[in-house]
C-alpha atoms as a PDB file:
ATOM      1  CA  MET A   1     108.489  85.988 110.578  1.00  0.00           C
ATOM      2  CA  ALA A   2     110.514  87.495 113.439  1.00  0.00           C
ATOM      3  CA  THR A   3     108.973  90.360 115.164  1.00  0.00           C
ATOM      4  CA  PRO A   4     110.188  93.870 113.915  1.00  0.00           C
ATOM      5  CA  LEU A   5     112.608  95.408 116.442  1.00  0.00           C
ATOM      6  CA  ASP A   6     111.223  98.629 118.621  1.00  0.00           C
ATOM      7  CA  ALA A   7     113.106 101.406 120.427  1.00  0.00           C
ATOM      8  CA  LEU A   8     113.155  99.248 123.339  1.00  0.00           C
ATOM      9  CA  ASP A   9     114.746  96.395 121.406  1.00  0.00           C
ATOM     10  CA  VAL A  10     117.553  98.353 119.841  1.00  0.00           C
ATOM     11  CA  ASP A  11     117.979 100.104 123.320  1.00  0.00           C
ATOM     12  CA  LEU A  12     118.429  96.381 124.828  1.00  0.00           C
ATOM     13  CA  LEU A  13     120.734  95.485 122.417  1.00  0.00           C
ATOM     14  CA  ARG A  14     122.871  98.395 122.749  1.00  0.00           C
ATOM     15  CA  VAL A  15     123.239  97.851 126.521  1.00  0.00           C
ATOM     16  CA  LEU A  16     124.190  94.482 126.017  1.00  0.00           C
ATOM     17  CA  ARG A  17     126.447  95.339 123.257  1.00  0.00           C
ATOM     18  CA  GLU A  18     128.542  97.680 125.748  1.00  0.00           C
ATOM     19  CA  SER A  19     128.042  95.060 128.585  1.00  0.00           C
ATOM     20  CA  PRO A  20     127.758  91.582 127.645  1.00  0.00           C
ATOM     21  CA  ARG A  21     127.445  90.232 131.167  1.00  0.00           C
ATOM     22  CA  ILE A  22     124.973  92.416 132.863  1.00  0.00           C
ATOM     23  CA  PRO A  23     122.469  90.867 134.985  1.00  0.00           C
ATOM     24  CA  VAL A  24     119.185  91.109 134.224  1.00  0.00           C
ATOM     25  CA  VAL A  25     118.028  93.401 137.027  1.00  0.00           C
ATOM     26  CA  GLU A  26     120.798  95.938 136.244  1.00  0.00           C
ATOM     27  CA  LEU A  27     119.686  95.380 132.477  1.00  0.00           C
ATOM     28  CA  ALA A  28     115.973  96.509 133.391  1.00  0.00           C
ATOM     29  CA  ARG A  29     117.060  99.532 135.812  1.00  0.00           C
ATOM     30  CA  THR A  30     119.380 101.097 132.957  1.00  0.00           C
ATOM     31  CA  LEU A  31     116.493 100.675 130.336  1.00  0.00           C
ATOM     32  CA  GLY A  32     113.657 101.882 133.419  1.00  0.00           C
ATOM     33  CA  VAL A  33     111.860  98.822 132.779  1.00  0.00           C
ATOM     34  CA  ALA A  34     110.389  95.857 135.202  1.00  0.00           C
ATOM     35  CA  ARG A  35     112.798  93.062 135.145  1.00  0.00           C
ATOM     36  CA  GLY A  36     109.988  90.876 133.743  1.00  0.00           C
ATOM     37  CA  THR A  37     110.059  93.206 130.777  1.00  0.00           C
ATOM     38  CA  ALA A  38     113.674  92.827 130.151  1.00  0.00           C
ATOM     39  CA  GLN A  39     113.785  89.226 130.666  1.00  0.00           C
ATOM     40  CA  ALA A  40     110.639  88.724 128.258  1.00  0.00           C
ATOM     41  CA  ARG A  41     112.520  90.950 125.383  1.00  0.00           C
ATOM     42  CA  LEU A  42     115.580  89.204 125.759  1.00  0.00           C
ATOM     43  CA  ASP A  43     114.283  86.043 126.085  1.00  0.00           C
ATOM     44  CA  ARG A  44     112.274  86.583 122.686  1.00  0.00           C
ATOM     45  CA  LEU A  45     115.298  88.152 120.800  1.00  0.00           C
ATOM     46  CA  GLU A  46     117.337  84.844 122.140  1.00  0.00           C
ATOM     47  CA  ARG A  47     114.306  82.694 120.533  1.00  0.00           C
ATOM     48  CA  GLU A  48     114.301  84.622 117.381  1.00  0.00           C
ATOM     49  CA  GLY A  49     118.258  84.382 116.764  1.00  0.00           C
ATOM     50  CA  VAL A  50     118.683  88.010 116.988  1.00  0.00           C
ATOM     51  CA  VAL A  51     120.995  87.373 120.080  1.00  0.00           C
ATOM     52  CA  THR A  52     123.473  84.513 119.804  1.00  0.00           C
ATOM     53  CA  GLY A  53     125.449  84.862 122.385  1.00  0.00           C
ATOM     54  CA  PHE A  54     126.941  87.016 125.423  1.00  0.00           C
ATOM     55  CA  GLY A  55     130.705  86.368 124.911  1.00  0.00           C
ATOM     56  CA  PRO A  56     132.994  88.959 125.319  1.00  0.00           C
ATOM     57  CA  ASP A  57     134.417  90.226 121.773  1.00  0.00           C
ATOM     58  CA  VAL A  58     138.253  89.203 121.436  1.00  0.00           C
ATOM     59  CA  ASP A  59     140.986  91.412 120.228  1.00  0.00           C
ATOM     60  CA  LEU A  60     142.851  88.875 118.342  1.00  0.00           C
ATOM     61  CA  GLY A  61     145.902  91.049 117.261  1.00  0.00           C
ATOM     62  CA  ALA A  62     146.162  92.002 121.211  1.00  0.00           C
ATOM     63  CA  ALA A  63     145.663  88.148 122.157  1.00  0.00           C
ATOM     64  CA  GLY A  64     148.938  87.487 120.142  1.00  0.00           C
ATOM     65  CA  TYR A  65     147.207  86.109 116.749  1.00  0.00           C
ATOM     66  CA  PRO A  66     148.074  89.341 114.489  1.00  0.00           C
ATOM     67  CA  VAL A  67     147.069  87.238 111.259  1.00  0.00           C
ATOM     68  CA  GLN A  68     143.966  85.577 110.537  1.00  0.00           C
ATOM     69  CA  ALA A  69     142.604  83.708 108.121  1.00  0.00           C
ATOM     70  CA  PHE A  70     139.720  81.569 106.720  1.00  0.00           C
ATOM     71  CA  VAL A  71     140.289  78.274 105.215  1.00  0.00           C
ATOM     72  CA  SER A  72     137.895  76.503 102.650  1.00  0.00           C
ATOM     73  CA  LEU A  73     138.460  72.629 101.760  1.00  0.00           C
ATOM     74  CA  GLN A  74     136.207  71.018  99.454  1.00  0.00           C
ATOM     75  CA  ILE A  75     136.826  67.026  99.085  1.00  0.00           C
ATOM     76  CA  ALA A  76     135.167  65.270  95.967  1.00  0.00           C
ATOM     77  CA  GLN A  77     135.347  61.365  96.568  1.00  0.00           C
ATOM     78  CA  ALA A  78     136.241  59.155  93.706  1.00  0.00           C
ATOM     79  CA  ARG A  79     136.029  55.367  93.776  1.00  0.00           C
ATOM     80  CA  SER A  80     138.964  53.749  94.200  1.00  0.00           C
ATOM     81  CA  THR A  81     140.779  51.800  91.345  1.00  0.00           C
ATOM     82  CA  THR A  82     143.092  49.957  93.570  1.00  0.00           C
ATOM     83  CA  SER A  83     141.708  46.843  95.363  1.00  0.00           C
ATOM     84  CA  PRO A  84     141.179  46.853  99.356  1.00  0.00           C
ATOM     85  CA  PRO A  85     143.547  45.073 101.548  1.00  0.00           C
ATOM     86  CA  SER A  86     142.688  41.633 102.558  1.00  0.00           C
END
């Protein structure tokens, strides 16, 4: 079971949401904690799957892709009634 988030975790996630590429030293300074504390919290949040990446959010419309679609394909295999080529 994952450890519940406390106020520092929530603040850390807020800062990362606003600046995903912030260096850990700057993250620690912004939060008012030691660098090791910020790194340990970040490592735990990654390990527990709370933080899953550090990439930028992309506005697809502004990038030239105004339509986004999700497609699902399900294939049911059936036994072939024809003989294989020789």
